[in-house]
PDB file of all heavy atoms in Angstrom:
ATOM      1  N   ASN A   1      -4.616 -36.674 -79.746  1.00  0.00           N
ATOM      2  CA  ASN A   1      -4.654 -35.280 -80.192  1.00  0.00           C
ATOM      3  C   ASN A   1      -3.226 -34.816 -80.451  1.00  0.00           C
ATOM      4  O   ASN A   1      -2.550 -34.287 -79.565  1.00  0.00           O
ATOM      5  CB  ASN A   1      -5.315 -34.409 -79.121  1.00  0.00           C
ATOM      6  CG  ASN A   1      -6.807 -34.641 -79.023  1.00  0.00           C
ATOM      7  OD1 ASN A   1      -7.520 -34.566 -80.014  1.00  0.00           O
ATOM      8  ND2 ASN A   1      -7.285 -34.926 -77.816  1.00  0.00           N
ATOM      9  N   ASN A   2      -2.782 -35.033 -81.676  1.00  0.00           N
ATOM     10  CA  ASN A   2      -1.399 -34.733 -82.035  1.00  0.00           C
ATOM     11  C   ASN A   2      -1.266 -33.505 -82.937  1.00  0.00           C
ATOM     12  O   ASN A   2      -0.201 -32.900 -82.980  1.00  0.00           O
ATOM     13  CB  ASN A   2      -0.786 -35.953 -82.753  1.00  0.00           C
ATOM     14  CG  ASN A   2       0.534 -35.638 -83.406  1.00  0.00           C
ATOM     15  OD1 ASN A   2       1.555 -35.495 -82.743  1.00  0.00           O
ATOM     16  ND2 ASN A   2       0.530 -35.518 -84.731  1.00  0.00           N
ATOM     17  N   ALA A   3      -2.312 -33.110 -83.638  1.00  0.00           N
ATOM     18  CA  ALA A   3      -2.215 -32.008 -84.601  1.00  0.00           C
ATOM     19  C   ALA A   3      -1.686 -30.744 -83.933  1.00  0.00           C
ATOM     20  O   ALA A   3      -2.167 -30.345 -82.868  1.00  0.00           O
ATOM     21  CB  ALA A   3      -3.586 -31.735 -85.227  1.00  0.00           C
ATOM     22  N   GLY A   4      -0.694 -30.135 -84.565  1.00  0.00           N
ATOM     23  CA  GLY A   4      -0.130 -28.920 -83.992  1.00  0.00           C
ATOM     24  C   GLY A   4       0.677 -28.146 -85.022  1.00  0.00           C
ATOM     25  O   GLY A   4       1.214 -28.718 -85.972  1.00  0.00           O
ATOM     26  N   ILE A   5       0.759 -26.839 -84.819  1.00  0.00           N
ATOM     27  CA  ILE A   5       1.541 -25.981 -85.701  1.00  0.00           C
ATOM     28  C   ILE A   5       2.352 -24.998 -84.860  1.00  0.00           C
ATOM     29  O   ILE A   5       2.083 -24.808 -83.665  1.00  0.00           O
ATOM     30  CB  ILE A   5       0.656 -25.185 -86.681  1.00  0.00           C
ATOM     31  CG1 ILE A   5      -0.289 -24.248 -85.910  1.00  0.00           C
ATOM     32  CG2 ILE A   5      -0.132 -26.124 -87.585  1.00  0.00           C
ATOM     33  CD1 ILE A   5      -1.037 -23.271 -86.802  1.00  0.00           C
ATOM     34  N   THR A   6       3.353 -24.384 -85.476  1.00  0.00           N
ATOM     35  CA  THR A   6       4.108 -23.303 -84.843  1.00  0.00           C
ATOM     36  C   THR A   6       4.051 -22.070 -85.743  1.00  0.00           C
ATOM     37  O   THR A   6       3.996 -22.187 -86.964  1.00  0.00           O
ATOM     38  CB  THR A   6       5.585 -23.680 -84.623  1.00  0.00           C
ATOM     39  OG1 THR A   6       6.177 -24.027 -85.882  1.00  0.00           O
ATOM     40  CG2 THR A   6       5.714 -24.846 -83.656  1.00  0.00           C
ATOM     41  N   ARG A   7       4.079 -20.914 -85.110  1.00  0.00           N
ATOM     42  CA  ARG A   7       4.183 -19.621 -85.807  1.00  0.00           C
ATOM     43  C   ARG A   7       5.051 -18.748 -84.905  1.00  0.00           C
ATOM     44  O   ARG A   7       4.565 -17.889 -84.177  1.00  0.00           O
ATOM     45  CB  ARG A   7       2.802 -18.986 -86.033  1.00  0.00           C
ATOM     46  CG  ARG A   7       1.877 -19.776 -86.921  1.00  0.00           C
ATOM     47  CD  ARG A   7       2.325 -19.751 -88.381  1.00  0.00           C
ATOM     48  NE  ARG A   7       1.356 -20.412 -89.258  1.00  0.00           N
ATOM     49  CZ  ARG A   7       1.358 -21.701 -89.549  1.00  0.00           C
ATOM     50  NH1 ARG A   7       2.289 -22.486 -89.006  1.00  0.00           N
ATOM     51  NH2 ARG A   7       0.476 -22.232 -90.363  1.00  0.00           N
ATOM     52  N   ASP A   8       6.358 -18.975 -84.945  1.00  0.00           N
ATOM     53  CA  ASP A   8       7.261 -18.389 -83.965  1.00  0.00           C
ATOM     54  C   ASP A   8       7.566 -16.911 -84.230  1.00  0.00           C
ATOM     55  O   ASP A   8       7.734 -16.491 -85.378  1.00  0.00           O
ATOM     56  CB  ASP A   8       8.584 -19.158 -83.945  1.00  0.00           C
ATOM     57  CG  ASP A   8       8.417 -20.614 -83.509  1.00  0.00           C
ATOM     58  OD1 ASP A   8       7.324 -20.963 -83.023  1.00  0.00           O
ATOM     59  OD2 ASP A   8       9.393 -21.381 -83.652  1.00  0.00           O
ATOM     60  N   ALA A   9       7.651 -16.168 -83.137  1.00  0.00           N
ATOM     61  CA  ALA A   9       8.071 -14.759 -83.183  1.00  0.00           C
ATOM     62  C   ALA A   9       8.185 -14.261 -81.744  1.00  0.00           C
ATOM     63  O   ALA A   9       7.487 -14.760 -80.849  1.00  0.00           O
ATOM     64  CB  ALA A   9       7.080 -13.896 -83.958  1.00  0.00           C
ATOM     65  N   LEU A  10       9.065 -13.303 -81.515  1.00  0.00           N
ATOM     66  CA  LEU A  10       9.093 -12.657 -80.209  1.00  0.00           C
ATOM     67  C   LEU A  10       7.755 -11.952 -79.972  1.00  0.00           C
ATOM     68  O   LEU A  10       7.100 -11.501 -80.916  1.00  0.00           O
ATOM     69  CB  LEU A  10      10.237 -11.651 -80.143  1.00  0.00           C
ATOM     70  CG  LEU A  10      11.656 -12.244 -80.214  1.00  0.00           C
ATOM     71  CD1 LEU A  10      12.688 -11.131 -80.305  1.00  0.00           C
ATOM     72  CD2 LEU A  10      11.924 -13.142 -79.004  1.00  0.00           C
ATOM     73  N   LEU A  11       7.372 -11.858 -78.733  1.00  0.00           N
ATOM     74  CA  LEU A  11       6.044 -11.338 -78.385  1.00  0.00           C
ATOM     75  C   LEU A  11       5.754  -9.989 -79.037  1.00  0.00           C
ATOM     76  O   LEU A  11       4.674  -9.780 -79.608  1.00  0.00           O
ATOM     77  CB  LEU A  11       5.913 -11.217 -76.873  1.00  0.00           C
ATOM     78  CG  LEU A  11       4.600 -10.619 -76.363  1.00  0.00           C
ATOM     79  CD1 LEU A  11       3.415 -11.510 -76.739  1.00  0.00           C
ATOM     80  CD2 LEU A  11       4.655 -10.407 -74.861  1.00  0.00           C
ATOM     81  N   VAL A  12       6.700  -9.065 -78.977  1.00  0.00           N
ATOM     82  CA  VAL A  12       6.436  -7.711 -79.489  1.00  0.00           C
ATOM     83  C   VAL A  12       6.299  -7.693 -81.002  1.00  0.00           C
ATOM     84  O   VAL A  12       5.811  -6.705 -81.571  1.00  0.00           O
ATOM     85  CB  VAL A  12       7.536  -6.723 -79.046  1.00  0.00           C
ATOM     86  CG1 VAL A  12       7.511  -6.545 -77.542  1.00  0.00           C
ATOM     87  CG2 VAL A  12       8.917  -7.175 -79.523  1.00  0.00           C
ATOM     88  N   ARG A  13       6.723  -8.769 -81.671  1.00  0.00           N
ATOM     89  CA  ARG A  13       6.615  -8.835 -83.123  1.00  0.00           C
ATOM     90  C   ARG A  13       5.545  -9.818 -83.583  1.00  0.00           C
ATOM     91  O   ARG A  13       5.319  -9.972 -84.794  1.00  0.00           O
ATOM     92  CB  ARG A  13       7.962  -9.252 -83.735  1.00  0.00           C
ATOM     93  CG  ARG A  13       9.082  -8.264 -83.458  1.00  0.00           C
ATOM     94  CD  ARG A  13      10.409  -8.786 -83.967  1.00  0.00           C
ATOM     95  NE  ARG A  13      11.500  -7.862 -83.659  1.00  0.00           N
ATOM     96  CZ  ARG A  13      12.780  -8.153 -83.797  1.00  0.00           C
ATOM     97  NH1 ARG A  13      13.141  -9.348 -84.258  1.00  0.00           N
ATOM     98  NH2 ARG A  13      13.704  -7.265 -83.488  1.00  0.00           N
ATOM     99  N   MET A  14       4.917 -10.480 -82.647  1.00  0.00           N
ATOM    100  CA  MET A  14       3.947 -11.517 -83.009  1.00  0.00           C
ATOM    101  C   MET A  14       2.638 -10.889 -83.490  1.00  0.00           C
ATOM    102  O   MET A  14       2.034 -10.060 -82.800  1.00  0.00           O
ATOM    103  CB  MET A  14       3.671 -12.449 -81.829  1.00  0.00           C
ATOM    104  CG  MET A  14       2.771 -13.623 -82.177  1.00  0.00           C
ATOM    105  SD  MET A  14       2.603 -14.779 -80.812  1.00  0.00           S
ATOM    106  CE  MET A  14       4.268 -15.449 -80.726  1.00  0.00           C
ATOM    107  N   GLU A  15       2.216 -11.312 -84.657  1.00  0.00           N
ATOM    108  CA  GLU A  15       0.948 -10.829 -85.183  1.00  0.00           C
ATOM    109  C   GLU A  15      -0.203 -11.596 -84.547  1.00  0.00           C
ATOM    110  O   GLU A  15      -0.089 -12.785 -84.247  1.00  0.00           O
ATOM    111  CB  GLU A  15       0.914 -10.993 -86.706  1.00  0.00           C
ATOM    112  CG  GLU A  15       1.967 -10.172 -87.435  1.00  0.00           C
ATOM    113  CD  GLU A  15       1.873 -10.346 -88.940  1.00  0.00           C
ATOM    114  OE1 GLU A  15       0.749 -10.516 -89.452  1.00  0.00           O
ATOM    115  OE2 GLU A  15       2.921 -10.314 -89.595  1.00  0.00           O
ATOM    116  N   GLU A  16      -1.314 -10.896 -84.381  1.00  0.00           N
ATOM    117  CA  GLU A  16      -2.477 -11.508 -83.753  1.00  0.00           C
ATOM    118  C   GLU A  16      -2.919 -12.769 -84.484  1.00  0.00           C
ATOM    119  O   GLU A  16      -3.290 -13.772 -83.860  1.00  0.00           O
ATOM    120  CB  GLU A  16      -3.635 -10.513 -83.706  1.00  0.00           C
ATOM    121  CG  GLU A  16      -4.880 -11.051 -83.005  1.00  0.00           C
ATOM    122  CD  GLU A  16      -6.015 -10.048 -82.974  1.00  0.00           C
ATOM    123  OE1 GLU A  16      -5.913  -9.003 -83.655  1.00  0.00           O
ATOM    124  OE2 GLU A  16      -7.015 -10.307 -82.265  1.00  0.00           O
ATOM    125  N   LYS A  17      -2.842 -12.757 -85.813  1.00  0.00           N
ATOM    126  CA  LYS A  17      -3.281 -13.916 -86.584  1.00  0.00           C
ATOM    127  C   LYS A  17      -2.427 -15.144 -86.281  1.00  0.00           C
ATOM    128  O   LYS A  17      -2.924 -16.280 -86.337  1.00  0.00           O
ATOM    129  CB  LYS A  17      -3.264 -13.612 -88.078  1.00  0.00           C
ATOM    130  CG  LYS A  17      -1.873 -13.370 -88.663  1.00  0.00           C
ATOM    131  CD  LYS A  17      -1.939 -13.086 -90.159  1.00  0.00           C
ATOM    132  CE  LYS A  17      -0.539 -12.884 -90.746  1.00  0.00           C
ATOM    133  NZ  LYS A  17      -0.594 -12.603 -92.204  1.00  0.00           N
ATOM    134  N   ASN A  18      -1.151 -14.943 -85.952  1.00  0.00           N
ATOM    135  CA  ASN A  18      -0.280 -16.067 -85.647  1.00  0.00           C
ATOM    136  C   ASN A  18      -0.509 -16.595 -84.230  1.00  0.00           C
ATOM    137  O   ASN A  18      -0.278 -17.777 -83.968  1.00  0.00           O
ATOM    138  CB  ASN A  18       1.187 -15.682 -85.855  1.00  0.00           C
ATOM    139  CG  ASN A  18       1.521 -15.522 -87.324  1.00  0.00           C
ATOM    140  OD1 ASN A  18       0.853 -16.085 -88.190  1.00  0.00           O
ATOM    141  ND2 ASN A  18       2.537 -14.728 -87.624  1.00  0.00           N
ATOM    142  N   TRP A  19      -0.919 -15.734 -83.332  1.00  0.00           N
ATOM    143  CA  TRP A  19      -1.369 -16.205 -82.016  1.00  0.00           C
ATOM    144  C   TRP A  19      -2.645 -17.032 -82.185  1.00  0.00           C
ATOM    145  O   TRP A  19      -2.756 -18.160 -81.694  1.00  0.00           O
ATOM    146  CB  TRP A  19      -1.622 -15.020 -81.079  1.00  0.00           C
ATOM    147  CG  TRP A  19      -2.233 -15.437 -79.764  1.00  0.00           C
ATOM    148  CD1 TRP A  19      -3.562 -15.633 -79.501  1.00  0.00           C
ATOM    149  CD2 TRP A  19      -1.536 -15.747 -78.566  1.00  0.00           C
ATOM    150  NE1 TRP A  19      -3.744 -16.046 -78.197  1.00  0.00           N
ATOM    151  CE2 TRP A  19      -2.515 -16.119 -77.603  1.00  0.00           C
ATOM    152  CE3 TRP A  19      -0.192 -15.749 -78.187  1.00  0.00           C
ATOM    153  CZ2 TRP A  19      -2.181 -16.477 -76.289  1.00  0.00           C
ATOM    154  CZ3 TRP A  19       0.140 -16.108 -76.886  1.00  0.00           C
ATOM    155  CH2 TRP A  19      -0.844 -16.464 -75.949  1.00  0.00           C
ATOM    156  N   ASP A  20      -3.599 -16.481 -82.926  1.00  0.00           N
ATOM    157  CA  ASP A  20      -4.903 -17.132 -83.083  1.00  0.00           C
ATOM    158  C   ASP A  20      -4.800 -18.478 -83.809  1.00  0.00           C
ATOM    159  O   ASP A  20      -5.461 -19.450 -83.430  1.00  0.00           O
ATOM    160  CB  ASP A  20      -5.858 -16.216 -83.846  1.00  0.00           C
ATOM    161  CG  ASP A  20      -6.287 -14.999 -83.031  1.00  0.00           C
ATOM    162  OD1 ASP A  20      -6.088 -15.016 -81.798  1.00  0.00           O
ATOM    163  OD2 ASP A  20      -6.805 -14.040 -83.620  1.00  0.00           O
ATOM    164  N   SER A  21      -3.983 -18.553 -84.853  1.00  0.00           N
ATOM    165  CA  SER A  21      -3.908 -19.794 -85.623  1.00  0.00           C
ATOM    166  C   SER A  21      -3.304 -20.933 -84.802  1.00  0.00           C
ATOM    167  O   SER A  21      -3.761 -22.076 -84.877  1.00  0.00           O
ATOM    168  CB  SER A  21      -3.099 -19.584 -86.905  1.00  0.00           C
ATOM    169  OG  SER A  21      -1.766 -19.206 -86.623  1.00  0.00           O
ATOM    170  N   VAL A  22      -2.284 -20.620 -83.988  1.00  0.00           N
ATOM    171  CA  VAL A  22      -1.679 -21.645 -83.129  1.00  0.00           C
ATOM    172  C   VAL A  22      -2.684 -22.109 -82.082  1.00  0.00           C
ATOM    173  O   VAL A  22      -2.811 -23.316 -81.812  1.00  0.00           O
ATOM    174  CB  VAL A  22      -0.390 -21.109 -82.480  1.00  0.00           C
ATOM    175  CG1 VAL A  22       0.091 -22.038 -81.370  1.00  0.00           C
ATOM    176  CG2 VAL A  22       0.697 -20.965 -83.535  1.00  0.00           C
ATOM    177  N   MET A  23      -3.400 -21.188 -81.479  1.00  0.00           N
ATOM    178  CA  MET A  23      -4.406 -21.561 -80.483  1.00  0.00           C
ATOM    179  C   MET A  23      -5.537 -22.376 -81.112  1.00  0.00           C
ATOM    180  O   MET A  23      -6.041 -23.335 -80.521  1.00  0.00           O
ATOM    181  CB  MET A  23      -4.991 -20.310 -79.822  1.00  0.00           C
ATOM    182  CG  MET A  23      -4.034 -19.621 -78.883  1.00  0.00           C
ATOM    183  SD  MET A  23      -3.584 -20.680 -77.497  1.00  0.00           S
ATOM    184  CE  MET A  23      -2.310 -19.685 -76.748  1.00  0.00           C
ATOM    185  N   GLU A  24      -5.919 -22.006 -82.332  1.00  0.00           N
ATOM    186  CA  GLU A  24      -7.024 -22.693 -82.994  1.00  0.00           C
ATOM    187  C   GLU A  24      -6.702 -24.159 -83.255  1.00  0.00           C
ATOM    188  O   GLU A  24      -7.528 -25.035 -83.004  1.00  0.00           O
ATOM    189  CB  GLU A  24      -7.373 -22.001 -84.308  1.00  0.00           C
ATOM    190  CG  GLU A  24      -8.534 -22.670 -85.043  1.00  0.00           C
ATOM    191  CD  GLU A  24      -8.924 -21.936 -86.298  1.00  0.00           C
ATOM    192  OE1 GLU A  24      -9.718 -20.987 -86.204  1.00  0.00           O
ATOM    193  OE2 GLU A  24      -8.431 -22.311 -87.374  1.00  0.00           O
ATOM    194  N   VAL A  25      -5.513 -24.426 -83.744  1.00  0.00           N
ATOM    195  CA  VAL A  25      -5.146 -25.809 -84.054  1.00  0.00           C
ATOM    196  C   VAL A  25      -4.741 -26.573 -82.795  1.00  0.00           C
ATOM    197  O   VAL A  25      -5.273 -27.649 -82.495  1.00  0.00           O
ATOM    198  CB  VAL A  25      -3.999 -25.848 -85.085  1.00  0.00           C
ATOM    199  CG1 VAL A  25      -3.532 -27.291 -85.313  1.00  0.00           C
ATOM    200  CG2 VAL A  25      -4.451 -25.230 -86.400  1.00  0.00           C
ATOM    201  N   ASN A  26      -3.792 -26.029 -82.036  1.00  0.00           N
ATOM    202  CA  ASN A  26      -3.193 -26.781 -80.937  1.00  0.00           C
ATOM    203  C   ASN A  26      -4.129 -26.969 -79.748  1.00  0.00           C
ATOM    204  O   ASN A  26      -4.188 -28.064 -79.174  1.00  0.00           O
ATOM    205  CB  ASN A  26      -1.919 -26.085 -80.459  1.00  0.00           C
ATOM    206  CG  ASN A  26      -0.860 -25.983 -81.544  1.00  0.00           C
ATOM    207  OD1 ASN A  26      -1.084 -26.325 -82.694  1.00  0.00           O
ATOM    208  ND2 ASN A  26       0.307 -25.491 -81.181  1.00  0.00           N
ATOM    209  N   LEU A  27      -4.816 -25.907 -79.365  1.00  0.00           N
ATOM    210  CA  LEU A  27      -5.644 -25.980 -78.161  1.00  0.00           C
ATOM    211  C   LEU A  27      -7.125 -26.176 -78.478  1.00  0.00           C
ATOM    212  O   LEU A  27      -7.747 -27.112 -77.974  1.00  0.00           O
ATOM    213  CB  LEU A  27      -5.445 -24.716 -77.323  1.00  0.00           C
ATOM    214  CG  LEU A  27      -6.107 -24.701 -75.938  1.00  0.00           C
ATOM    215  CD1 LEU A  27      -5.721 -25.923 -75.122  1.00  0.00           C
ATOM    216  CD2 LEU A  27      -5.740 -23.415 -75.198  1.00  0.00           C
ATOM    217  N   LYS A  28      -7.678 -25.334 -79.338  1.00  0.00           N
ATOM    218  CA  LYS A  28      -9.084 -25.513 -79.687  1.00  0.00           C
ATOM    219  C   LYS A  28      -9.292 -26.827 -80.429  1.00  0.00           C
ATOM    220  O   LYS A  28     -10.319 -27.499 -80.252  1.00  0.00           O
ATOM    221  CB  LYS A  28      -9.587 -24.349 -80.535  1.00  0.00           C
ATOM    222  CG  LYS A  28     -11.094 -24.425 -80.793  1.00  0.00           C
ATOM    223  CD  LYS A  28     -11.580 -23.295 -81.693  1.00  0.00           C
ATOM    224  CE  LYS A  28     -13.065 -23.429 -81.967  1.00  0.00           C
ATOM    225  NZ  LYS A  28     -13.539 -22.400 -82.925  1.00  0.00           N
ATOM    226  N   GLY A  29      -8.317 -27.227 -81.255  1.00  0.00           N
ATOM    227  CA  GLY A  29      -8.418 -28.506 -81.952  1.00  0.00           C
ATOM    228  C   GLY A  29      -8.497 -29.667 -80.991  1.00  0.00           C
ATOM    229  O   GLY A  29      -9.261 -30.621 -81.191  1.00  0.00           O
ATOM    230  N   THR A  30      -7.700 -29.602 -79.921  1.00  0.00           N
ATOM    231  CA  THR A  30      -7.741 -30.647 -78.889  1.00  0.00           C
ATOM    232  C   THR A  30      -9.101 -30.647 -78.193  1.00  0.00           C
ATOM    233  O   THR A  30      -9.679 -31.710 -77.929  1.00  0.00           O
ATOM    234  CB  THR A  30      -6.613 -30.421 -77.871  1.00  0.00           C
ATOM    235  OG1 THR A  30      -5.355 -30.537 -78.550  1.00  0.00           O
ATOM    236  CG2 THR A  30      -6.668 -31.421 -76.741  1.00  0.00           C
ATOM    237  N   PHE A  31      -9.622 -29.466 -77.901  1.00  0.00           N
ATOM    238  CA  PHE A  31     -10.964 -29.353 -77.314  1.00  0.00           C
ATOM    239  C   PHE A  31     -12.026 -29.927 -78.245  1.00  0.00           C
ATOM    240  O   PHE A  31     -12.866 -30.740 -77.840  1.00  0.00           O
ATOM    241  CB  PHE A  31     -11.268 -27.877 -77.017  1.00  0.00           C
ATOM    242  CG  PHE A  31     -12.728 -27.575 -76.814  1.00  0.00           C
ATOM    243  CD1 PHE A  31     -13.369 -27.893 -75.628  1.00  0.00           C
ATOM    244  CD2 PHE A  31     -13.459 -26.973 -77.830  1.00  0.00           C
ATOM    245  CE1 PHE A  31     -14.726 -27.614 -75.453  1.00  0.00           C
ATOM    246  CE2 PHE A  31     -14.808 -26.690 -77.664  1.00  0.00           C
ATOM    247  CZ  PHE A  31     -15.444 -27.017 -76.461  1.00  0.00           C
ATOM    248  N   ASN A  32     -12.006 -29.520 -79.515  1.00  0.00           N
ATOM    249  CA  ASN A  32     -13.016 -29.980 -80.466  1.00  0.00           C
ATOM    250  C   ASN A  32     -13.028 -31.499 -80.583  1.00  0.00           C
ATOM    251  O   ASN A  32     -14.089 -32.134 -80.509  1.00  0.00           O
ATOM    252  CB  ASN A  32     -12.755 -29.374 -81.851  1.00  0.00           C
ATOM    253  CG  ASN A  32     -13.149 -27.909 -81.949  1.00  0.00           C
ATOM    254  OD1 ASN A  32     -13.917 -27.405 -81.139  1.00  0.00           O
ATOM    255  ND2 ASN A  32     -12.616 -27.229 -82.943  1.00  0.00           N
ATOM    256  N   CYS A  33     -11.859 -32.076 -80.799  1.00  0.00           N
ATOM    257  CA  CYS A  33     -11.790 -33.529 -81.010  1.00  0.00           C
ATOM    258  C   CYS A  33     -12.178 -34.301 -79.752  1.00  0.00           C
ATOM    259  O   CYS A  33     -12.912 -35.294 -79.823  1.00  0.00           O
ATOM    260  CB  CYS A  33     -10.388 -33.930 -81.468  1.00  0.00           C
ATOM    261  SG  CYS A  33      -9.977 -33.353 -83.122  1.00  0.00           S
ATOM    262  N   THR A  34     -11.698 -33.845 -78.605  1.00  0.00           N
ATOM    263  CA  THR A  34     -12.034 -34.539 -77.363  1.00  0.00           C
ATOM    264  C   THR A  34     -13.526 -34.461 -77.096  1.00  0.00           C
ATOM    265  O   THR A  34     -14.165 -35.466 -76.764  1.00  0.00           O
ATOM    266  CB  THR A  34     -11.248 -33.936 -76.186  1.00  0.00           C
ATOM    267  OG1 THR A  34      -9.852 -34.023 -76.462  1.00  0.00           O
ATOM    268  CG2 THR A  34     -11.544 -34.686 -74.903  1.00  0.00           C
ATOM    269  N   ARG A  35     -14.093 -33.286 -77.235  1.00  0.00           N
ATOM    270  CA  ARG A  35     -15.523 -33.097 -76.959  1.00  0.00           C
ATOM    271  C   ARG A  35     -16.397 -33.967 -77.866  1.00  0.00           C
ATOM    272  O   ARG A  35     -17.389 -34.550 -77.435  1.00  0.00           O
ATOM    273  CB  ARG A  35     -15.889 -31.629 -77.146  1.00  0.00           C
ATOM    274  CG  ARG A  35     -17.342 -31.292 -76.813  1.00  0.00           C
ATOM    275  CD  ARG A  35     -17.523 -29.786 -76.793  1.00  0.00           C
ATOM    276  NE  ARG A  35     -18.897 -29.417 -76.513  1.00  0.00           N
ATOM    277  CZ  ARG A  35     -19.817 -29.168 -77.447  1.00  0.00           C
ATOM    278  NH1 ARG A  35     -19.494 -29.277 -78.726  1.00  0.00           N
ATOM    279  NH2 ARG A  35     -21.048 -28.833 -77.118  1.00  0.00           N
ATOM    280  N   VAL A  36     -16.005 -34.070 -79.135  1.00  0.00           N
ATOM    281  CA  VAL A  36     -16.804 -34.837 -80.088  1.00  0.00           C
ATOM    282  C   VAL A  36     -16.632 -36.342 -79.891  1.00  0.00           C
ATOM    283  O   VAL A  36     -17.614 -37.086 -79.815  1.00  0.00           O
ATOM    284  CB  VAL A  36     -16.438 -34.420 -81.533  1.00  0.00           C
ATOM    285  CG1 VAL A  36     -17.052 -35.390 -82.538  1.00  0.00           C
ATOM    286  CG2 VAL A  36     -16.920 -33.004 -81.808  1.00  0.00           C
ATOM    287  N   PHE A  37     -15.391 -36.812 -79.799  1.00  0.00           N
ATOM    288  CA  PHE A  37     -15.152 -38.252 -79.751  1.00  0.00           C
ATOM    289  C   PHE A  37     -15.419 -38.872 -78.378  1.00  0.00           C
ATOM    290  O   PHE A  37     -15.686 -40.069 -78.278  1.00  0.00           O
ATOM    291  CB  PHE A  37     -13.725 -38.568 -80.204  1.00  0.00           C
ATOM    292  CG  PHE A  37     -13.519 -38.445 -81.681  1.00  0.00           C
ATOM    293  CD1 PHE A  37     -12.854 -37.340 -82.218  1.00  0.00           C
ATOM    294  CD2 PHE A  37     -14.005 -39.404 -82.549  1.00  0.00           C
ATOM    295  CE1 PHE A  37     -12.666 -37.211 -83.583  1.00  0.00           C
ATOM    296  CE2 PHE A  37     -13.832 -39.286 -83.925  1.00  0.00           C
ATOM    297  CZ  PHE A  37     -13.157 -38.187 -84.443  1.00  0.00           C
ATOM    298  N   VAL A  38     -15.363 -38.068 -77.323  1.00  0.00           N
ATOM    299  CA  VAL A  38     -15.576 -38.637 -75.990  1.00  0.00           C
ATOM    300  C   VAL A  38     -17.032 -39.061 -75.782  1.00  0.00           C
ATOM    301  O   VAL A  38     -17.327 -39.915 -74.941  1.00  0.00           O
ATOM    302  CB  VAL A  38     -15.133 -37.643 -74.889  1.00  0.00           C
ATOM    303  CG1 VAL A  38     -16.200 -36.570 -74.638  1.00  0.00           C
ATOM    304  CG2 VAL A  38     -14.808 -38.374 -73.589  1.00  0.00           C
ATOM    305  N   ARG A  39     -17.947 -38.493 -76.542  1.00  0.00           N
ATOM    306  CA  ARG A  39     -19.361 -38.830 -76.367  1.00  0.00           C
ATOM    307  C   ARG A  39     -19.598 -40.324 -76.549  1.00  0.00           C
ATOM    308  O   ARG A  39     -20.295 -40.964 -75.750  1.00  0.00           O
ATOM    309  CB  ARG A  39     -20.215 -38.041 -77.367  1.00  0.00           C
ATOM    310  CG  ARG A  39     -20.225 -36.544 -77.134  1.00  0.00           C
ATOM    311  CD  ARG A  39     -20.838 -35.807 -78.313  1.00  0.00           C
ATOM    312  NE  ARG A  39     -20.829 -34.364 -78.123  1.00  0.00           N
ATOM    313  CZ  ARG A  39     -21.025 -33.492 -79.102  1.00  0.00           C
ATOM    314  NH1 ARG A  39     -21.247 -33.911 -80.331  1.00  0.00           N
ATOM    315  NH2 ARG A  39     -20.991 -32.193 -78.853  1.00  0.00           N
ATOM    316  N   GLU A  40     -19.011 -40.880 -77.602  1.00  0.00           N
ATOM    317  CA  GLU A  40     -19.187 -42.308 -77.870  1.00  0.00           C
ATOM    318  C   GLU A  40     -18.453 -43.143 -76.830  1.00  0.00           C
ATOM    319  O   GLU A  40     -18.923 -44.206 -76.424  1.00  0.00           O
ATOM    320  CB  GLU A  40     -18.682 -42.608 -79.290  1.00  0.00           C
ATOM    321  CG  GLU A  40     -19.048 -43.973 -79.833  1.00  0.00           C
ATOM    322  CD  GLU A  40     -17.983 -45.002 -79.526  1.00  0.00           C
ATOM    323  OE1 GLU A  40     -16.823 -44.628 -79.328  1.00  0.00           O
ATOM    324  OE2 GLU A  40     -18.337 -46.201 -79.485  1.00  0.00           O
ATOM    325  N   MET A  41     -17.321 -42.663 -76.359  1.00  0.00           N
ATOM    326  CA  MET A  41     -16.582 -43.361 -75.305  1.00  0.00           C
ATOM    327  C   MET A  41     -17.388 -43.416 -74.005  1.00  0.00           C
ATOM    328  O   MET A  41     -17.403 -44.432 -73.300  1.00  0.00           O
ATOM    329  CB  MET A  41     -15.244 -42.658 -75.040  1.00  0.00           C
ATOM    330  CG  MET A  41     -14.250 -42.707 -76.185  1.00  0.00           C
ATOM    331  SD  MET A  41     -12.731 -41.784 -75.765  1.00  0.00           S
ATOM    332  CE  MET A  41     -11.762 -42.006 -77.248  1.00  0.00           C
ATOM    333  N   LEU A  42     -18.054 -42.315 -73.694  1.00  0.00           N
ATOM    334  CA  LEU A  42     -18.867 -42.263 -72.476  1.00  0.00           C
ATOM    335  C   LEU A  42     -19.985 -43.301 -72.515  1.00  0.00           C
ATOM    336  O   LEU A  42     -20.293 -43.940 -71.507  1.00  0.00           O
ATOM    337  CB  LEU A  42     -19.456 -40.862 -72.294  1.00  0.00           C
ATOM    338  CG  LEU A  42     -18.464 -39.758 -71.906  1.00  0.00           C
ATOM    339  CD1 LEU A  42     -19.097 -38.382 -72.074  1.00  0.00           C
ATOM    340  CD2 LEU A  42     -17.985 -39.959 -70.468  1.00  0.00           C
ATOM    341  N   LYS A  43     -20.577 -43.480 -73.678  1.00  0.00           N
ATOM    342  CA  LYS A  43     -21.660 -44.458 -73.814  1.00  0.00           C
ATOM    343  C   LYS A  43     -21.169 -45.873 -73.571  1.00  0.00           C
ATOM    344  O   LYS A  43     -21.858 -46.698 -72.970  1.00  0.00           O
ATOM    345  CB  LYS A  43     -22.288 -44.360 -75.209  1.00  0.00           C
ATOM    346  CG  LYS A  43     -23.053 -43.072 -75.460  1.00  0.00           C
ATOM    347  CD  LYS A  43     -23.566 -43.017 -76.896  1.00  0.00           C
ATOM    348  CE  LYS A  43     -24.273 -41.699 -77.183  1.00  0.00           C
ATOM    349  NZ  LYS A  43     -24.698 -41.608 -78.612  1.00  0.00           N
TER     350      LYS A  43
END
């Protein structure tokens, strides 16, 4: 799980969309891929 992006800004200037996009790729992406691919590994 290597896919990742940055959207840098100080907290008080950070737009919600830039928080969400980083979380979607970096963290949710890791969750999505692990959850999907681990099924076959478990078998």
